[in-house]
Amino acid sequence: MATAPEPDRGPDVERHETPDERADRNLVELLQELRVVQTGVQIVFAFLLGLAFTSRFPQLNDFQTGVYVTTLLLTVVASAVLATPVALHRGLFHRGAKRRIVALSSRLAEAGLFFLALALSGAVLLITDVVLGPVPAAVITALTVLMFAGLWFVLPWTQRQR
């Protein structure tokens, strides 16, 4: 009979890894996470690029056009920040800097998630403003921002505090 895995006991549990093995594992895990997130960025970016070439795009008002451009740029920033760990790894490969790469890349991933949350919220704002109008769009977008803040930032922070 299989036994249930032991719950995470935090940093006190020894994995019997050397610092280099831990850095290797952490980098692999981080790059896998970034692959998943980068797909979301690419979907939003593709949507935004295609949107500019639709027949309804010229009908956007100034506010909607501003939201569109801001969201497009936030998506570009998110993509650049989330891809930077790959560039760091390539640029510092075989230079004994893996622990530094992991530490910096982890911070970049958090920043990239922040920009992605803003970009996704901008896309929600644009779509809901066009479809439902400004008041429902503001409410839905505020809820979206709160959801991202809660799930992507507050939840991990509260778990780190335990």
C-alpha atoms as a PDB file:
ATOM      1  CA  MET A   1       0.000   0.000   0.000  1.00  0.00           C
ATOM      2  CA  ALA A   2       1.350   3.433  -0.967  1.00  0.00           C
ATOM      3  CA  THR A   3       1.905   5.937   1.768  1.00  0.00           C
ATOM      4  CA  ALA A   4       0.884   9.543   1.525  1.00  0.00           C
ATOM      5  CA  PRO A   5       3.744  11.956   0.995  1.00  0.00           C
ATOM      6  CA  GLU A   6       4.901  13.783   4.074  1.00  0.00           C
ATOM      7  CA  PRO A   7       3.738  17.380   4.321  1.00  0.00           C
ATOM      8  CA  ASP A   8       6.256  20.097   3.591  1.00  0.00           C
ATOM      9  CA  ARG A   9       8.161  20.749   6.770  1.00  0.00           C
ATOM     10  CA  GLY A  10       9.862  23.867   5.512  1.00  0.00           C
ATOM     11  CA  PRO A  11      13.549  24.656   5.277  1.00  0.00           C
ATOM     12  CA  ASP A  12      14.471  22.425   8.229  1.00  0.00           C
ATOM     13  CA  VAL A  13      13.981  19.248   6.196  1.00  0.00           C
ATOM     14  CA  GLU A  14      17.316  18.160   4.785  1.00  0.00           C
ATOM     15  CA  ARG A  15      17.170  16.968   1.186  1.00  0.00           C
ATOM     16  CA  HIS A  16      20.746  15.708   1.273  1.00  0.00           C
ATOM     17  CA  GLU A  17      21.729  17.990  -1.604  1.00  0.00           C
ATOM     18  CA  THR A  18      24.891  19.924  -2.086  1.00  0.00           C
ATOM     19  CA  PRO A  19      24.439  23.657  -2.669  1.00  0.00           C
ATOM     20  CA  ASP A  20      25.179  23.097  -6.360  1.00  0.00           C
ATOM     21  CA  GLU A  21      22.613  20.281  -6.607  1.00  0.00           C
ATOM     22  CA  ARG A  22      20.034  22.489  -4.904  1.00  0.00           C
ATOM     23  CA  ALA A  23      20.805  25.320  -7.329  1.00  0.00           C
ATOM     24  CA  ASP A  24      20.467  22.922 -10.270  1.00  0.00           C
ATOM     25  CA  ARG A  25      17.098  21.678  -9.017  1.00  0.00           C
ATOM     26  CA  ASN A  26      15.849  25.156  -8.236  1.00  0.00           C
ATOM     27  CA  LEU A  27      16.816  26.418 -11.677  1.00  0.00           C
ATOM     28  CA  VAL A  28      15.083  23.516 -13.419  1.00  0.00           C
ATOM     29  CA  GLU A  29      11.918  24.088 -11.370  1.00  0.00           C
ATOM     30  CA  LEU A  30      11.981  27.831 -12.015  1.00  0.00           C
ATOM     31  CA  LEU A  31      12.474  27.439 -15.754  1.00  0.00           C
ATOM     32  CA  GLN A  32       9.569  24.981 -15.882  1.00  0.00           C
ATOM     33  CA  GLU A  33       7.349  27.490 -14.067  1.00  0.00           C
ATOM     34  CA  LEU A  34       8.408  30.215 -16.477  1.00  0.00           C
ATOM     35  CA  ARG A  35       7.544  28.010 -19.481  1.00  0.00           C
ATOM     36  CA  VAL A  36       3.980  27.699 -18.199  1.00  0.00           C
ATOM     37  CA  VAL A  37       3.612  31.416 -17.499  1.00  0.00           C
ATOM     38  CA  GLN A  38       5.211  32.447 -20.795  1.00  0.00           C
ATOM     39  CA  THR A  39       2.472  30.566 -22.650  1.00  0.00           C
ATOM     40  CA  GLY A  40      -0.122  32.802 -20.995  1.00  0.00           C
ATOM     41  CA  VAL A  41       1.829  35.895 -21.979  1.00  0.00           C
ATOM     42  CA  GLN A  42       2.015  34.698 -25.577  1.00  0.00           C
ATOM     43  CA  ILE A  43      -1.747  34.099 -25.717  1.00  0.00           C
ATOM     44  CA  VAL A  44      -2.527  37.585 -24.411  1.00  0.00           C
ATOM     45  CA  PHE A  45       0.020  39.148 -26.752  1.00  0.00           C
ATOM     46  CA  ALA A  46      -1.391  37.291 -29.759  1.00  0.00           C
ATOM     47  CA  PHE A  47      -4.910  38.392 -28.830  1.00  0.00           C
ATOM     48  CA  LEU A  48      -3.799  42.007 -28.547  1.00  0.00           C
ATOM     49  CA  LEU A  49      -1.884  41.937 -31.817  1.00  0.00           C
ATOM     50  CA  GLY A  50      -4.850  40.478 -33.656  1.00  0.00           C
ATOM     51  CA  LEU A  51      -7.260  42.930 -32.078  1.00  0.00           C
ATOM     52  CA  ALA A  52      -5.655  45.911 -33.798  1.00  0.00           C
ATOM     53  CA  PHE A  53      -6.518  44.435 -37.187  1.00  0.00           C
ATOM     54  CA  THR A  54     -10.212  43.809 -36.570  1.00  0.00           C
ATOM     55  CA  SER A  55     -12.891  45.902 -38.206  1.00  0.00           C
ATOM     56  CA  ARG A  56     -14.185  47.135 -34.850  1.00  0.00           C
ATOM     57  CA  PHE A  57     -10.818  48.418 -33.591  1.00  0.00           C
ATOM     58  CA  PRO A  58     -11.163  51.924 -35.150  1.00  0.00           C
ATOM     59  CA  GLN A  59     -14.400  52.347 -33.166  1.00  0.00           C
ATOM     60  CA  LEU A  60     -12.587  52.257 -29.816  1.00  0.00           C
ATOM     61  CA  ASN A  61     -12.784  55.504 -27.864  1.00  0.00           C
ATOM     62  CA  ASP A  62      -9.691  57.273 -26.510  1.00  0.00           C
ATOM     63  CA  PHE A  63      -9.902  55.507 -23.137  1.00  0.00           C
ATOM     64  CA  GLN A  64     -10.153  52.075 -24.763  1.00  0.00           C
ATOM     65  CA  THR A  65      -7.278  52.862 -27.123  1.00  0.00           C
ATOM     66  CA  GLY A  66      -5.169  53.948 -24.147  1.00  0.00           C
ATOM     67  CA  VAL A  67      -6.023  50.749 -22.275  1.00  0.00           C
ATOM     68  CA  TYR A  68      -5.141  48.751 -25.402  1.00  0.00           C
ATOM     69  CA  VAL A  69      -1.721  50.371 -25.848  1.00  0.00           C
ATOM     70  CA  THR A  70      -0.930  50.169 -22.122  1.00  0.00           C
ATOM     71  CA  THR A  71      -1.941  46.508 -21.999  1.00  0.00           C
ATOM     72  CA  LEU A  72       0.093  45.716 -25.104  1.00  0.00           C
ATOM     73  CA  LEU A  73       3.167  47.341 -23.564  1.00  0.00           C
ATOM     74  CA  LEU A  74       2.618  45.609 -20.206  1.00  0.00           C
ATOM     75  CA  THR A  75       2.509  42.311 -22.076  1.00  0.00           C
ATOM     76  CA  VAL A  76       5.800  43.120 -23.784  1.00  0.00           C
ATOM     77  CA  VAL A  77       7.373  44.021 -20.423  1.00  0.00           C
ATOM     78  CA  ALA A  78       6.028  40.821 -18.826  1.00  0.00           C
ATOM     79  CA  SER A  79       7.413  38.766 -21.690  1.00  0.00           C
ATOM     80  CA  ALA A  80      10.826  40.424 -21.487  1.00  0.00           C
ATOM     81  CA  VAL A  81      11.086  40.097 -17.702  1.00  0.00           C
ATOM     82  CA  LEU A  82       9.893  36.471 -17.716  1.00  0.00           C
ATOM     83  CA  ALA A  83      12.367  35.550 -20.475  1.00  0.00           C
ATOM     84  CA  THR A  84      15.325  37.239 -18.759  1.00  0.00           C
ATOM     85  CA  PRO A  85      16.158  34.196 -16.575  1.00  0.00           C
ATOM     86  CA  VAL A  86      16.785  32.219 -19.764  1.00  0.00           C
ATOM     87  CA  ALA A  87      19.100  34.956 -21.041  1.00  0.00           C
ATOM     88  CA  LEU A  88      20.875  35.059 -17.674  1.00  0.00           C
ATOM     89  CA  HIS A  89      21.378  31.317 -17.738  1.00  0.00           C
ATOM     90  CA  ARG A  90      22.709  31.443 -21.279  1.00  0.00           C
ATOM     91  CA  GLY A  91      24.972  34.400 -20.555  1.00  0.00           C
ATOM     92  CA  LEU A  92      26.402  32.940 -17.364  1.00  0.00           C
ATOM     93  CA  PHE A  93      26.386  29.258 -18.361  1.00  0.00           C
ATOM     94  CA  HIS A  94      29.439  27.346 -17.049  1.00  0.00           C
ATOM     95  CA  ARG A  95      30.668  30.317 -15.055  1.00  0.00           C
ATOM     96  CA  GLY A  96      29.841  28.964 -11.591  1.00  0.00           C
ATOM     97  CA  ALA A  97      27.035  31.477 -11.091  1.00  0.00           C
ATOM     98  CA  LYS A  98      24.049  29.174 -10.859  1.00  0.00           C
ATOM     99  CA  ARG A  99      23.071  30.173  -7.315  1.00  0.00           C
ATOM    100  CA  ARG A 100      23.221  33.840  -8.342  1.00  0.00           C
ATOM    101  CA  ILE A 101      21.189  33.055 -11.480  1.00  0.00           C
ATOM    102  CA  VAL A 102      18.540  31.282  -9.388  1.00  0.00           C
ATOM    103  CA  ALA A 103      18.288  34.100  -6.843  1.00  0.00           C
ATOM    104  CA  LEU A 104      17.994  36.837  -9.472  1.00  0.00           C
ATOM    105  CA  SER A 105      15.706  34.771 -11.679  1.00  0.00           C
ATOM    106  CA  SER A 106      13.343  34.150  -8.793  1.00  0.00           C
ATOM    107  CA  ARG A 107      12.975  37.906  -8.259  1.00  0.00           C
ATOM    108  CA  LEU A 108      12.506  38.415 -11.996  1.00  0.00           C
ATOM    109  CA  ALA A 109       9.768  35.767 -12.035  1.00  0.00           C
ATOM    110  CA  GLU A 110       7.907  37.631  -9.296  1.00  0.00           C
ATOM    111  CA  ALA A 111       8.256  40.909 -11.207  1.00  0.00           C
ATOM    112  CA  GLY A 112       7.129  39.189 -14.403  1.00  0.00           C
ATOM    113  CA  LEU A 113       4.042  37.847 -12.653  1.00  0.00           C
ATOM    114  CA  PHE A 114       3.257  41.368 -11.469  1.00  0.00           C
ATOM    115  CA  PHE A 115       3.432  42.738 -15.027  1.00  0.00           C
ATOM    116  CA  LEU A 116       1.459  39.771 -16.343  1.00  0.00           C
ATOM    117  CA  ALA A 117      -1.265  40.370 -13.748  1.00  0.00           C
ATOM    118  CA  LEU A 118      -1.460  44.001 -14.872  1.00  0.00           C
ATOM    119  CA  ALA A 119      -1.564  42.981 -18.536  1.00  0.00           C
ATOM    120  CA  LEU A 120      -4.296  40.402 -17.985  1.00  0.00           C
ATOM    121  CA  SER A 121      -6.274  42.912 -15.929  1.00  0.00           C
ATOM    122  CA  GLY A 122      -5.856  45.456 -18.730  1.00  0.00           C
ATOM    123  CA  ALA A 123      -7.208  42.941 -21.244  1.00  0.00           C
ATOM    124  CA  VAL A 124     -10.184  42.311 -18.960  1.00  0.00           C
ATOM    125  CA  LEU A 125     -10.751  46.052 -18.637  1.00  0.00           C
ATOM    126  CA  LEU A 126     -10.645  46.577 -22.388  1.00  0.00           C
ATOM    127  CA  ILE A 127     -12.977  43.710 -23.235  1.00  0.00           C
ATOM    128  CA  THR A 128     -15.493  44.386 -20.482  1.00  0.00           C
ATOM    129  CA  ASP A 129     -15.535  48.115 -21.246  1.00  0.00           C
ATOM    130  CA  VAL A 130     -16.331  47.417 -24.904  1.00  0.00           C
ATOM    131  CA  VAL A 131     -18.911  44.740 -24.125  1.00  0.00           C
ATOM    132  CA  LEU A 132     -20.533  45.927 -20.882  1.00  0.00           C
ATOM    133  CA  GLY A 133     -19.605  49.579 -20.439  1.00  0.00           C
ATOM    134  CA  PRO A 134     -17.411  51.485 -18.006  1.00  0.00           C
ATOM    135  CA  VAL A 135     -19.070  50.770 -14.646  1.00  0.00           C
ATOM    136  CA  PRO A 136     -19.272  46.968 -14.942  1.00  0.00           C
ATOM    137  CA  ALA A 137     -15.787  47.012 -16.477  1.00  0.00           C
ATOM    138  CA  ALA A 138     -14.377  48.882 -13.479  1.00  0.00           C
ATOM    139  CA  VAL A 139     -15.989  46.461 -11.024  1.00  0.00           C
ATOM    140  CA  ILE A 140     -14.927  43.332 -12.899  1.00  0.00           C
ATOM    141  CA  THR A 141     -11.393  44.632 -13.400  1.00  0.00           C
ATOM    142  CA  ALA A 142     -11.072  45.543  -9.708  1.00  0.00           C
ATOM    143  CA  LEU A 143     -12.138  42.014  -8.795  1.00  0.00           C
ATOM    144  CA  THR A 144      -9.645  40.630 -11.298  1.00  0.00           C
ATOM    145  CA  VAL A 145      -6.817  42.700  -9.787  1.00  0.00           C
ATOM    146  CA  LEU A 146      -7.801  41.545  -6.293  1.00  0.00           C
ATOM    147  CA  MET A 147      -7.859  37.926  -7.450  1.00  0.00           C
ATOM    148  CA  PHE A 148      -4.349  38.156  -8.913  1.00  0.00           C
ATOM    149  CA  ALA A 149      -3.042  40.015  -5.863  1.00  0.00           C
ATOM    150  CA  GLY A 150      -4.557  37.442  -3.538  1.00  0.00           C
ATOM    151  CA  LEU A 151      -3.550  34.303  -5.402  1.00  0.00           C
ATOM    152  CA  TRP A 152      -0.170  35.302  -6.811  1.00  0.00           C
ATOM    153  CA  PHE A 153       1.216  37.525  -4.068  1.00  0.00           C
ATOM    154  CA  VAL A 154      -0.707  37.500  -0.776  1.00  0.00           C
ATOM    155  CA  LEU A 155      -1.218  33.707  -0.617  1.00  0.00           C
ATOM    156  CA  PRO A 156       2.464  32.861  -1.175  1.00  0.00           C
ATOM    157  CA  TRP A 157       3.488  35.601   1.275  1.00  0.00           C
ATOM    158  CA  THR A 158       1.166  34.269   3.985  1.00  0.00           C
ATOM    159  CA  GLN A 159       2.469  30.752   3.439  1.00  0.00           C
ATOM    160  CA  ARG A 160       6.064  31.947   3.768  1.00  0.00           C
ATOM    161  CA  GLN A 161       5.171  33.509   7.120  1.00  0.00           C
ATOM    162  CA  ARG A 162       4.160  30.118   8.559  1.00  0.00           C
END
